Amino acid sequence: MICTNCQKEIADDSNFCYFCGSRQYAASRRQKPPIGQRRLMRSSTDKKIAGVCAGFADYFDLDPSLVRIVWILLTFFSGVFPGIVIYLIAWLVMPLAPYPVATAPYPTPEQPK
């Protein structure tokens, strides 16, 4: 598969590019919403504490681990207090994203015995 952002070769089942960190969308997966319809929301499925970093990662199409590492580094290099306060404010202000709807798999014919 070719990355849609940096045009480098990555594995076929990758969700994110190894080189630039952009999210990859396959034809069978949910398509990327138009820019006007994206909302900044906390993640309901990929959260370690409150889903704030995963929400920022979804909004900016980045890898959540990369956003978490950058947030931790900025917190420690700017003094611990501002990073924690901004995280708590984002936790209170950002709405929680709805849980994804699980689709039932198609029934498969039973194997003959």
PDB file of N, CA and C in Angstrom:
ATOM      1  N   MET A   1       0.854  -1.171   0.000  1.00  0.00           N
ATOM      2  CA  MET A   1       0.000   0.000   0.000  1.00  0.00           C
ATOM      3  C   MET A   1       0.899   1.234   0.000  1.00  0.00           C
ATOM      4  N   ILE A   2       0.447   2.279  -0.637  1.00  0.00           N
ATOM      5  CA  ILE A   2       1.178   3.541  -0.715  1.00  0.00           C
ATOM      6  C   ILE A   2       0.523   4.556   0.217  1.00  0.00           C
ATOM      7  N   CYS A   3       1.330   5.257   1.000  1.00  0.00           N
ATOM      8  CA  CYS A   3       0.815   6.300   1.890  1.00  0.00           C
ATOM      9  C   CYS A   3       0.214   7.424   1.062  1.00  0.00           C
ATOM     10  N   THR A   4      -0.958   7.885   1.456  1.00  0.00           N
ATOM     11  CA  THR A   4      -1.623   8.951   0.718  1.00  0.00           C
ATOM     12  C   THR A   4      -0.984  10.316   0.962  1.00  0.00           C
ATOM     13  N   ASN A   5      -0.152  10.431   1.996  1.00  0.00           N
ATOM     14  CA  ASN A   5       0.456  11.709   2.326  1.00  0.00           C
ATOM     15  C   ASN A   5       1.882  11.837   1.775  1.00  0.00           C
ATOM     16  N   CYS A   6       2.747  10.860   2.098  1.00  0.00           N
ATOM     17  CA  CYS A   6       4.154  10.965   1.699  1.00  0.00           C
ATOM     18  C   CYS A   6       4.510  10.074   0.521  1.00  0.00           C
ATOM     19  N   GLN A   7       3.571   9.246   0.050  1.00  0.00           N
ATOM     20  CA  GLN A   7       3.740   8.393  -1.128  1.00  0.00           C
ATOM     21  C   GLN A   7       4.838   7.342  -0.966  1.00  0.00           C
ATOM     22  N   LYS A   8       5.063   6.866   0.270  1.00  0.00           N
ATOM     23  CA  LYS A   8       6.039   5.802   0.506  1.00  0.00           C
ATOM     24  C   LYS A   8       5.315   4.481   0.709  1.00  0.00           C
ATOM     25  N   GLU A   9       5.994   3.391   0.452  1.00  0.00           N
ATOM     26  CA  GLU A   9       5.420   2.054   0.556  1.00  0.00           C
ATOM     27  C   GLU A   9       5.322   1.633   2.028  1.00  0.00           C
ATOM     28  N   ILE A  10       4.129   1.183   2.446  1.00  0.00           N
ATOM     29  CA  ILE A  10       3.909   0.679   3.795  1.00  0.00           C
ATOM     30  C   ILE A  10       3.137  -0.633   3.701  1.00  0.00           C
ATOM     31  N   ALA A  11       2.982  -1.320   4.811  1.00  0.00           N
ATOM     32  CA  ALA A  11       2.268  -2.597   4.829  1.00  0.00           C
ATOM     33  C   ALA A  11       0.798  -2.388   4.476  1.00  0.00           C
ATOM     34  N   ASP A  12       0.172  -3.407   3.896  1.00  0.00           N
ATOM     35  CA  ASP A  12      -1.207  -3.298   3.422  1.00  0.00           C
ATOM     36  C   ASP A  12      -2.211  -3.078   4.544  1.00  0.00           C
ATOM     37  N   ASP A  13      -1.968  -3.618   5.728  1.00  0.00           N
ATOM     38  CA  ASP A  13      -2.944  -3.508   6.813  1.00  0.00           C
ATOM     39  C   ASP A  13      -2.606  -2.408   7.820  1.00  0.00           C
ATOM     40  N   SER A  14      -1.769  -1.455   7.428  1.00  0.00           N
ATOM     41  CA  SER A  14      -1.365  -0.375   8.332  1.00  0.00           C
ATOM     42  C   SER A  14      -2.476   0.647   8.498  1.00  0.00           C
ATOM     43  N   ASN A  15      -2.656   1.100   9.727  1.00  0.00           N
ATOM     44  CA  ASN A  15      -3.592   2.186  10.005  1.00  0.00           C
ATOM     45  C   ASN A  15      -2.907   3.540   9.902  1.00  0.00           C
ATOM     46  N   PHE A  16      -1.589   3.565  10.137  1.00  0.00           N
ATOM     47  CA  PHE A  16      -0.818   4.797  10.096  1.00  0.00           C
ATOM     48  C   PHE A  16       0.449   4.562   9.295  1.00  0.00           C
ATOM     49  N   CYS A  17       0.954   5.622   8.677  1.00  0.00           N
ATOM     50  CA  CYS A  17       2.194   5.549   7.910  1.00  0.00           C
ATOM     51  C   CYS A  17       3.371   5.489   8.875  1.00  0.00           C
ATOM     52  N   TYR A  18       4.355   4.643   8.574  1.00  0.00           N
ATOM     53  CA  TYR A  18       5.542   4.516   9.416  1.00  0.00           C
ATOM     54  C   TYR A  18       6.433   5.748   9.321  1.00  0.00           C
ATOM     55  N   PHE A  19       6.365   6.457   8.216  1.00  0.00           N
ATOM     56  CA  PHE A  19       7.281   7.550   7.950  1.00  0.00           C
ATOM     57  C   PHE A  19       6.741   8.906   8.381  1.00  0.00           C
ATOM     58  N   CYS A  20       5.489   9.221   8.014  1.00  0.00           N
ATOM     59  CA  CYS A  20       4.957  10.559   8.309  1.00  0.00           C
ATOM     60  C   CYS A  20       3.893  10.544   9.410  1.00  0.00           C
ATOM     61  N   GLY A  21       3.363   9.371   9.795  1.00  0.00           N
ATOM     62  CA  GLY A  21       2.401   9.273  10.883  1.00  0.00           C
ATOM     63  C   GLY A  21       0.966   9.568  10.492  1.00  0.00           C
ATOM     64  N   SER A  22       0.676   9.785   9.203  1.00  0.00           N
ATOM     65  CA  SER A  22      -0.693  10.112   8.809  1.00  0.00           C
ATOM     66  C   SER A  22      -1.562   8.860   8.788  1.00  0.00           C
ATOM     67  N   ARG A  23      -2.845   9.043   9.084  1.00  0.00           N
ATOM     68  CA  ARG A  23      -3.795   7.938   9.123  1.00  0.00           C
ATOM     69  C   ARG A  23      -4.078   7.452   7.707  1.00  0.00           C
ATOM     70  N   GLN A  24      -4.163   6.133   7.550  1.00  0.00           N
ATOM     71  CA  GLN A  24      -4.446   5.526   6.260  1.00  0.00           C
ATOM     72  C   GLN A  24      -5.871   4.998   6.249  1.00  0.00           C
ATOM     73  N   TYR A  25      -6.585   5.255   5.181  1.00  0.00           N
ATOM     74  CA  TYR A  25      -7.968   4.835   5.053  1.00  0.00           C
ATOM     75  C   TYR A  25      -8.086   3.831   3.918  1.00  0.00           C
ATOM     76  N   ALA A  26      -8.509   2.615   4.237  1.00  0.00           N
ATOM     77  CA  ALA A  26      -8.737   1.607   3.218  1.00  0.00           C
ATOM     78  C   ALA A  26     -10.154   1.747   2.685  1.00  0.00           C
ATOM     79  N   ALA A  27     -10.404   1.170   1.520  1.00  0.00           N
ATOM     80  CA  ALA A  27     -11.725   1.278   0.907  1.00  0.00           C
ATOM     81  C   ALA A  27     -12.793   0.594   1.749  1.00  0.00           C
ATOM     82  N   SER A  28     -12.434  -0.474   2.466  1.00  0.00           N
ATOM     83  CA  SER A  28     -13.427  -1.194   3.262  1.00  0.00           C
ATOM     84  C   SER A  28     -13.677  -0.541   4.617  1.00  0.00           C
ATOM     85  N   ARG A  29     -12.773   0.337   5.062  1.00  0.00           N
ATOM     86  CA  ARG A  29     -12.944   1.011   6.344  1.00  0.00           C
ATOM     87  C   ARG A  29     -13.758   2.279   6.164  1.00  0.00           C
ATOM     88  N   ARG A  30     -14.059   2.894   7.287  1.00  0.00           N
ATOM     89  CA  ARG A  30     -14.794   4.157   7.277  1.00  0.00           C
ATOM     90  C   ARG A  30     -13.957   5.220   6.571  1.00  0.00           C
ATOM     91  N   GLN A  31     -14.569   5.940   5.681  1.00  0.00           N
ATOM     92  CA  GLN A  31     -13.872   6.969   4.921  1.00  0.00           C
ATOM     93  C   GLN A  31     -13.660   8.214   5.769  1.00  0.00           C
ATOM     94  N   LYS A  32     -12.673   8.985   5.406  1.00  0.00           N
ATOM     95  CA  LYS A  32     -12.336  10.214   6.108  1.00  0.00           C
ATOM     96  C   LYS A  32     -13.457  11.236   5.923  1.00  0.00           C
ATOM     97  N   PRO A  33     -13.969  11.822   7.012  1.00  0.00           N
ATOM     98  CA  PRO A  33     -15.038  12.808   6.858  1.00  0.00           C
ATOM     99  C   PRO A  33     -14.500  14.093   6.237  1.00  0.00           C
ATOM    100  N   PRO A  34     -15.355  14.844   5.547  1.00  0.00           N
ATOM    101  CA  PRO A  34     -14.914  16.126   4.998  1.00  0.00           C
ATOM    102  C   PRO A  34     -14.435  17.051   6.111  1.00  0.00           C
ATOM    103  N   ILE A  35     -13.568  17.981   5.760  1.00  0.00           N
ATOM    104  CA  ILE A  35     -12.946  18.861   6.752  1.00  0.00           C
ATOM    105  C   ILE A  35     -13.989  19.662   7.524  1.00  0.00           C
ATOM    106  N   GLY A  36     -15.044  20.103   6.879  1.00  0.00           N
ATOM    107  CA  GLY A  36     -16.060  20.897   7.550  1.00  0.00           C
ATOM    108  C   GLY A  36     -16.871  20.108   8.565  1.00  0.00           C
ATOM    109  N   GLN A  37     -16.862  18.769   8.490  1.00  0.00           N
ATOM    110  CA  GLN A  37     -17.671  17.950   9.381  1.00  0.00           C
ATOM    111  C   GLN A  37     -16.877  17.318  10.524  1.00  0.00           C
ATOM    112  N   ARG A  38     -15.561  17.501  10.545  1.00  0.00           N
ATOM    113  CA  ARG A  38     -14.770  16.944  11.637  1.00  0.00           C
ATOM    114  C   ARG A  38     -14.970  17.764  12.898  1.00  0.00           C
ATOM    115  N   ARG A  39     -15.044  17.057  14.045  1.00  0.00           N
ATOM    116  CA  ARG A  39     -15.169  17.727  15.339  1.00  0.00           C
ATOM    117  C   ARG A  39     -14.081  17.208  16.259  1.00  0.00           C
ATOM    118  N   LEU A  40     -13.581  18.086  17.112  1.00  0.00           N
ATOM    119  CA  LEU A  40     -12.584  17.708  18.101  1.00  0.00           C
ATOM    120  C   LEU A  40     -13.308  17.077  19.278  1.00  0.00           C
ATOM    121  N   MET A  41     -13.135  15.747  19.458  1.00  0.00           N
ATOM    122  CA  MET A  41     -13.799  15.014  20.533  1.00  0.00           C
ATOM    123  C   MET A  41     -12.813  14.035  21.158  1.00  0.00           C
ATOM    124  N   ARG A  42     -13.033  13.756  22.431  1.00  0.00           N
ATOM    125  CA  ARG A  42     -12.221  12.744  23.108  1.00  0.00           C
ATOM    126  C   ARG A  42     -12.561  11.374  22.539  1.00  0.00           C
ATOM    127  N   SER A  43     -11.576  10.520  22.448  1.00  0.00           N
ATOM    128  CA  SER A  43     -11.793   9.176  21.923  1.00  0.00           C
ATOM    129  C   SER A  43     -12.508   8.319  22.951  1.00  0.00           C
ATOM    130  N   SER A  44     -13.459   7.532  22.489  1.00  0.00           N
ATOM    131  CA  SER A  44     -14.168   6.636  23.395  1.00  0.00           C
ATOM    132  C   SER A  44     -13.578   5.227  23.386  1.00  0.00           C
ATOM    133  N   THR A  45     -12.743   4.929  22.403  1.00  0.00           N
ATOM    134  CA  THR A  45     -12.192   3.577  22.296  1.00  0.00           C
ATOM    135  C   THR A  45     -10.698   3.520  22.554  1.00  0.00           C
ATOM    136  N   ASP A  46      -9.945   4.549  22.188  1.00  0.00           N
ATOM    137  CA  ASP A  46      -8.489   4.536  22.333  1.00  0.00           C
ATOM    138  C   ASP A  46      -8.076   5.554  23.380  1.00  0.00           C
ATOM    139  N   LYS A  47      -8.299   5.200  24.641  1.00  0.00           N
ATOM    140  CA  LYS A  47      -7.947   6.155  25.686  1.00  0.00           C
ATOM    141  C   LYS A  47      -7.117   5.470  26.761  1.00  0.00           C
ATOM    142  N   LYS A  48      -6.137   6.208  27.260  1.00  0.00           N
ATOM    143  CA  LYS A  48      -5.304   5.736  28.365  1.00  0.00           C
ATOM    144  C   LYS A  48      -5.781   6.361  29.665  1.00  0.00           C
ATOM    145  N   ILE A  49      -6.063   7.656  29.658  1.00  0.00           N
ATOM    146  CA  ILE A  49      -6.597   8.331  30.843  1.00  0.00           C
ATOM    147  C   ILE A  49      -8.001   8.845  30.527  1.00  0.00           C
ATOM    148  N   ALA A  50      -8.099   9.813  29.609  1.00  0.00           N
ATOM    149  CA  ALA A  50      -9.408  10.391  29.292  1.00  0.00           C
ATOM    150  C   ALA A  50      -9.697  10.421  27.800  1.00  0.00           C
ATOM    151  N   GLY A  51      -8.747  10.043  26.964  1.00  0.00           N
ATOM    152  CA  GLY A  51      -8.948  10.051  25.526  1.00  0.00           C
ATOM    153  C   GLY A  51      -8.656  11.383  24.868  1.00  0.00           C
ATOM    154  N   VAL A  52      -8.033  12.312  25.584  1.00  0.00           N
ATOM    155  CA  VAL A  52      -7.751  13.633  25.038  1.00  0.00           C
ATOM    156  C   VAL A  52      -6.703  13.544  23.926  1.00  0.00           C
ATOM    157  N   CYS A  53      -5.602  12.876  24.173  1.00  0.00           N
ATOM    158  CA  CYS A  53      -4.541  12.779  23.167  1.00  0.00           C
ATOM    159  C   CYS A  53      -5.018  12.010  21.937  1.00  0.00           C
ATOM    160  N   ALA A  54      -5.778  10.944  22.138  1.00  0.00           N
ATOM    161  CA  ALA A  54      -6.320  10.198  21.000  1.00  0.00           C
ATOM    162  C   ALA A  54      -7.320  11.043  20.223  1.00  0.00           C
ATOM    163  N   GLY A  55      -8.053  11.913  20.902  1.00  0.00           N
ATOM    164  CA  GLY A  55      -8.972  12.820  20.218  1.00  0.00           C
ATOM    165  C   GLY A  55      -8.231  13.821  19.348  1.00  0.00           C
ATOM    166  N   PHE A  56      -7.144  14.398  19.876  1.00  0.00           N
ATOM    167  CA  PHE A  56      -6.319  15.295  19.070  1.00  0.00           C
ATOM    168  C   PHE A  56      -5.704  14.540  17.896  1.00  0.00           C
ATOM    169  N   ALA A  57      -5.272  13.307  18.121  1.00  0.00           N
ATOM    170  CA  ALA A  57      -4.686  12.503  17.053  1.00  0.00           C
ATOM    171  C   ALA A  57      -5.705  12.214  15.952  1.00  0.00           C
ATOM    172  N   ASP A  58      -6.933  11.897  16.327  1.00  0.00           N
ATOM    173  CA  ASP A  58      -7.977  11.669  15.324  1.00  0.00           C
ATOM    174  C   ASP A  58      -8.269  12.943  14.542  1.00  0.00           C
ATOM    175  N   TYR A  59      -8.293  14.059  15.211  1.00  0.00           N
ATOM    176  CA  TYR A  59      -8.624  15.325  14.552  1.00  0.00           C
ATOM    177  C   TYR A  59      -7.544  15.742  13.553  1.00  0.00           C
ATOM    178  N   PHE A  60      -6.278  15.566  13.937  1.00  0.00           N
ATOM    179  CA  PHE A  60      -5.174  15.975  13.077  1.00  0.00           C
ATOM    180  C   PHE A  60      -4.614  14.827  12.232  1.00  0.00           C
ATOM    181  N   ASP A  61      -5.247  13.660  12.246  1.00  0.00           N
ATOM    182  CA  ASP A  61      -4.821  12.481  11.480  1.00  0.00           C
ATOM    183  C   ASP A  61      -3.383  12.078  11.793  1.00  0.00           C
ATOM    184  N   LEU A  62      -3.085  11.914  13.069  1.00  0.00           N
ATOM    185  CA  LEU A  62      -1.765  11.490  13.517  1.00  0.00           C
ATOM    186  C   LEU A  62      -1.890  10.212  14.324  1.00  0.00           C
ATOM    187  N   ASP A  63      -0.761   9.610  14.620  1.00  0.00           N
ATOM    188  CA  ASP A  63      -0.720   8.429  15.456  1.00  0.00           C
ATOM    189  C   ASP A  63      -0.922   8.852  16.913  1.00  0.00           C
ATOM    190  N   PRO A  64      -1.850   8.207  17.648  1.00  0.00           N
ATOM    191  CA  PRO A  64      -2.083   8.600  19.046  1.00  0.00           C
ATOM    192  C   PRO A  64      -0.842   8.484  19.930  1.00  0.00           C
ATOM    193  N   SER A  65       0.015   7.499  19.674  1.00  0.00           N
ATOM    194  CA  SER A  65       1.239   7.356  20.472  1.00  0.00           C
ATOM    195  C   SER A  65       2.165   8.548  20.275  1.00  0.00           C
ATOM    196  N   LEU A  66       2.245   9.038  19.062  1.00  0.00           N
ATOM    197  CA  LEU A  66       3.073  10.207  18.778  1.00  0.00           C
ATOM    198  C   LEU A  66       2.543  11.436  19.516  1.00  0.00           C
ATOM    199  N   VAL A  67       1.233  11.620  19.522  1.00  0.00           N
ATOM    200  CA  VAL A  67       0.639  12.763  20.227  1.00  0.00           C
ATOM    201  C   VAL A  67       0.882  12.637  21.730  1.00  0.00           C
ATOM    202  N   ARG A  68       0.762  11.431  22.275  1.00  0.00           N
ATOM    203  CA  ARG A  68       1.007  11.232  23.712  1.00  0.00           C
ATOM    204  C   ARG A  68       2.442  11.556  24.085  1.00  0.00           C
ATOM    205  N   ILE A  69       3.388  11.120  23.263  1.00  0.00           N
ATOM    206  CA  ILE A  69       4.805  11.389  23.546  1.00  0.00           C
ATOM    207  C   ILE A  69       5.084  12.884  23.476  1.00  0.00           C
ATOM    208  N   VAL A  70       4.557  13.560  22.448  1.00  0.00           N
ATOM    209  CA  VAL A  70       4.759  15.006  22.323  1.00  0.00           C
ATOM    210  C   VAL A  70       4.127  15.739  23.504  1.00  0.00           C
ATOM    211  N   TRP A  71       2.934  15.303  23.926  1.00  0.00           N
ATOM    212  CA  TRP A  71       2.269  15.945  25.070  1.00  0.00           C
ATOM    213  C   TRP A  71       3.106  15.795  26.342  1.00  0.00           C
ATOM    214  N   ILE A  72       3.643  14.608  26.576  1.00  0.00           N
ATOM    215  CA  ILE A  72       4.471  14.381  27.767  1.00  0.00           C
ATOM    216  C   ILE A  72       5.730  15.235  27.718  1.00  0.00           C
ATOM    217  N   LEU A  73       6.385  15.282  26.548  1.00  0.00           N
ATOM    218  CA  LEU A  73       7.597  16.096  26.428  1.00  0.00           C
ATOM    219  C   LEU A  73       7.299  17.577  26.641  1.00  0.00           C
ATOM    220  N   LEU A  74       6.216  18.075  26.051  1.00  0.00           N
ATOM    221  CA  LEU A  74       5.862  19.476  26.248  1.00  0.00           C
ATOM    222  C   LEU A  74       5.485  19.770  27.699  1.00  0.00           C
ATOM    223  N   THR A  75       4.856  18.806  28.358  1.00  0.00           N
ATOM    224  CA  THR A  75       4.494  18.987  29.758  1.00  0.00           C
ATOM    225  C   THR A  75       5.739  19.124  30.632  1.00  0.00           C
ATOM    226  N   PHE A  76       6.725  18.261  30.418  1.00  0.00           N
ATOM    227  CA  PHE A  76       7.920  18.313  31.256  1.00  0.00           C
ATOM    228  C   PHE A  76       8.828  19.485  30.919  1.00  0.00           C
ATOM    229  N   PHE A  77       8.895  19.886  29.645  1.00  0.00           N
ATOM    230  CA  PHE A  77       9.783  20.984  29.281  1.00  0.00           C
ATOM    231  C   PHE A  77       9.168  22.357  29.512  1.00  0.00           C
ATOM    232  N   SER A  78       7.859  22.442  29.661  1.00  0.00           N
ATOM    233  CA  SER A  78       7.233  23.732  29.943  1.00  0.00           C
ATOM    234  C   SER A  78       6.902  23.885  31.424  1.00  0.00           C
ATOM    235  N   GLY A  79       7.306  22.948  32.212  1.00  0.00           N
ATOM    236  CA  GLY A  79       6.907  22.936  33.608  1.00  0.00           C
ATOM    237  C   GLY A  79       5.691  22.036  33.707  1.00  0.00           C
ATOM    238  N   VAL A  80       5.608  21.211  34.695  1.00  0.00           N
ATOM    239  CA  VAL A  80       4.556  20.199  34.784  1.00  0.00           C
ATOM    240  C   VAL A  80       3.168  20.820  34.900  1.00  0.00           C
ATOM    241  N   PHE A  81       3.056  21.928  35.563  1.00  0.00           N
ATOM    242  CA  PHE A  81       1.750  22.522  35.849  1.00  0.00           C
ATOM    243  C   PHE A  81       0.948  22.900  34.596  1.00  0.00           C
ATOM    244  N   PRO A  82       1.515  23.627  33.607  1.00  0.00           N
ATOM    245  CA  PRO A  82       0.696  24.013  32.443  1.00  0.00           C
ATOM    246  C   PRO A  82       0.175  22.815  31.635  1.00  0.00           C
ATOM    247  N   GLY A  83       0.996  21.792  31.451  1.00  0.00           N
ATOM    248  CA  GLY A  83       0.566  20.629  30.680  1.00  0.00           C
ATOM    249  C   GLY A  83      -0.577  19.883  31.338  1.00  0.00           C
ATOM    250  N   ILE A  84      -0.517  19.755  32.654  1.00  0.00           N
ATOM    251  CA  ILE A  84      -1.581  19.057  33.378  1.00  0.00           C
ATOM    252  C   ILE A  84      -2.857  19.889  33.389  1.00  0.00           C
ATOM    253  N   VAL A  85      -2.744  21.189  33.576  1.00  0.00           N
ATOM    254  CA  VAL A  85      -3.924  22.059  33.586  1.00  0.00           C
ATOM    255  C   VAL A  85      -4.598  22.066  32.220  1.00  0.00           C
ATOM    256  N   ILE A  86      -3.821  22.165  31.146  1.00  0.00           N
ATOM    257  CA  ILE A  86      -4.395  22.153  29.796  1.00  0.00           C
ATOM    258  C   ILE A  86      -5.069  20.818  29.520  1.00  0.00           C
ATOM    259  N   TYR A  87      -4.466  19.715  29.975  1.00  0.00           N
ATOM    260  CA  TYR A  87      -5.076  18.399  29.782  1.00  0.00           C
ATOM    261  C   TYR A  87      -6.411  18.309  30.524  1.00  0.00           C
ATOM    262  N   LEU A  88      -6.449  18.791  31.766  1.00  0.00           N
ATOM    263  CA  LEU A  88      -7.697  18.753  32.540  1.00  0.00           C
ATOM    264  C   LEU A  88      -8.776  19.638  31.920  1.00  0.00           C
ATOM    265  N   ILE A  89      -8.383  20.801  31.411  1.00  0.00           N
ATOM    266  CA  ILE A  89      -9.368  21.665  30.749  1.00  0.00           C
ATOM    267  C   ILE A  89      -9.891  20.995  29.485  1.00  0.00           C
ATOM    268  N   ALA A  90      -8.997  20.384  28.714  1.00  0.00           N
ATOM    269  CA  ALA A  90      -9.435  19.682  27.499  1.00  0.00           C
ATOM    270  C   ALA A  90     -10.351  18.519  27.859  1.00  0.00           C
ATOM    271  N   TRP A  91     -10.067  17.838  28.944  1.00  0.00           N
ATOM    272  CA  TRP A  91     -10.907  16.723  29.405  1.00  0.00           C
ATOM    273  C   TRP A  91     -12.324  17.215  29.718  1.00  0.00           C
ATOM    274  N   LEU A  92     -12.418  18.382  30.343  1.00  0.00           N
ATOM    275  CA  LEU A  92     -13.724  18.927  30.697  1.00  0.00           C
ATOM    276  C   LEU A  92     -14.468  19.522  29.503  1.00  0.00           C
ATOM    277  N   VAL A  93     -13.749  20.123  28.568  1.00  0.00           N
ATOM    278  CA  VAL A  93     -14.372  20.857  27.474  1.00  0.00           C
ATOM    279  C   VAL A  93     -14.714  19.957  26.285  1.00  0.00           C
ATOM    280  N   MET A  94     -13.834  19.024  25.957  1.00  0.00           N
ATOM    281  CA  MET A  94     -14.045  18.182  24.767  1.00  0.00           C
ATOM    282  C   MET A  94     -15.141  17.152  25.030  1.00  0.00           C
ATOM    283  N   PRO A  95     -16.128  17.041  24.135  1.00  0.00           N
ATOM    284  CA  PRO A  95     -17.158  16.014  24.318  1.00  0.00           C
ATOM    285  C   PRO A  95     -16.604  14.632  24.006  1.00  0.00           C
ATOM    286  N   LEU A  96     -17.217  13.618  24.585  1.00  0.00           N
ATOM    287  CA  LEU A  96     -16.807  12.246  24.342  1.00  0.00           C
ATOM    288  C   LEU A  96     -17.388  11.775  23.016  1.00  0.00           C
ATOM    289  N   ALA A  97     -16.551  11.185  22.186  1.00  0.00           N
ATOM    290  CA  ALA A  97     -17.010  10.680  20.887  1.00  0.00           C
ATOM    291  C   ALA A  97     -17.946   9.493  21.105  1.00  0.00           C
ATOM    292  N   PRO A  98     -18.938   9.326  20.251  1.00  0.00           N
ATOM    293  CA  PRO A  98     -19.831   8.177  20.401  1.00  0.00           C
ATOM    294  C   PRO A  98     -19.089   6.881  20.108  1.00  0.00           C
ATOM    295  N   TYR A  99     -19.535   5.818  20.763  1.00  0.00           N
ATOM    296  CA  TYR A  99     -18.933   4.518  20.524  1.00  0.00           C
ATOM    297  C   TYR A  99     -19.280   4.057  19.114  1.00  0.00           C
ATOM    298  N   PRO A 100     -18.347   3.399  18.426  1.00  0.00           N
ATOM    299  CA  PRO A 100     -18.656   2.930  17.069  1.00  0.00           C
ATOM    300  C   PRO A 100     -19.717   1.840  17.109  1.00  0.00           C
ATOM    301  N   VAL A 101     -20.546   1.828  16.099  1.00  0.00           N
ATOM    302  CA  VAL A 101     -21.608   0.837  16.008  1.00  0.00           C
ATOM    303  C   VAL A 101     -21.006  -0.453  15.481  1.00  0.00           C
ATOM    304  N   ALA A 102     -21.226  -1.521  16.219  1.00  0.00           N
ATOM    305  CA  ALA A 102     -20.710  -2.816  15.790  1.00  0.00           C
ATOM    306  C   ALA A 102     -21.675  -3.414  14.778  1.00  0.00           C
ATOM    307  N   THR A 103     -21.124  -3.846  13.670  1.00  0.00           N
ATOM    308  CA  THR A 103     -21.963  -4.463  12.658  1.00  0.00           C
ATOM    309  C   THR A 103     -21.882  -5.971  12.796  1.00  0.00           C
ATOM    310  N   ALA A 104     -23.004  -6.629  12.602  1.00  0.00           N
ATOM    311  CA  ALA A 104     -23.040  -8.083  12.687  1.00  0.00           C
ATOM    312  C   ALA A 104     -22.392  -8.672  11.444  1.00  0.00           C
ATOM    313  N   PRO A 105     -21.561  -9.672  11.617  1.00  0.00           N
ATOM    314  CA  PRO A 105     -20.932 -10.287  10.446  1.00  0.00           C
ATOM    315  C   PRO A 105     -21.970 -11.039   9.621  1.00  0.00           C
ATOM    316  N   TYR A 106     -21.688 -11.140   8.345  1.00  0.00           N
ATOM    317  CA  TYR A 106     -22.588 -11.881   7.476  1.00  0.00           C
ATOM    318  C   TYR A 106     -22.577 -13.353   7.857  1.00  0.00           C
ATOM    319  N   PRO A 107     -23.738 -14.010   7.846  1.00  0.00           N
ATOM    320  CA  PRO A 107     -23.743 -15.435   8.185  1.00  0.00           C
ATOM    321  C   PRO A 107     -23.005 -16.235   7.114  1.00  0.00           C
ATOM    322  N   THR A 108     -22.245 -17.175   7.563  1.00  0.00           N
ATOM    323  CA  THR A 108     -21.492 -18.014   6.634  1.00  0.00           C
ATOM    324  C   THR A 108     -22.171 -19.377   6.545  1.00  0.00           C
ATOM    325  N   PRO A 109     -22.139 -19.981   5.405  1.00  0.00           N
ATOM    326  CA  PRO A 109     -22.721 -21.310   5.307  1.00  0.00           C
ATOM    327  C   PRO A 109     -21.926 -22.308   6.136  1.00  0.00           C
ATOM    328  N   GLU A 110     -22.621 -23.216   6.739  1.00  0.00           N
ATOM    329  CA  GLU A 110     -21.947 -24.190   7.590  1.00  0.00           C
ATOM    330  C   GLU A 110     -21.187 -25.182   6.738  1.00  0.00           C
ATOM    331  N   GLN A 111     -20.081 -25.626   7.279  1.00  0.00           N
ATOM    332  CA  GLN A 111     -19.230 -26.589   6.589  1.00  0.00           C
ATOM    333  C   GLN A 111     -19.854 -27.971   6.642  1.00  0.00           C
ATOM    334  N   PRO A 112     -19.786 -28.720   5.560  1.00  0.00           N
ATOM    335  CA  PRO A 112     -20.293 -30.088   5.624  1.00  0.00           C
ATOM    336  C   PRO A 112     -19.432 -30.936   6.540  1.00  0.00           C
ATOM    337  N   LYS A 113     -20.068 -31.876   7.203  1.00  0.00           N
ATOM    338  CA  LYS A 113     -19.331 -32.709   8.164  1.00  0.00           C
ATOM    339  C   LYS A 113     -18.920 -34.017   7.575  1.00  0.00           C
TER     340      LYS A 113
END
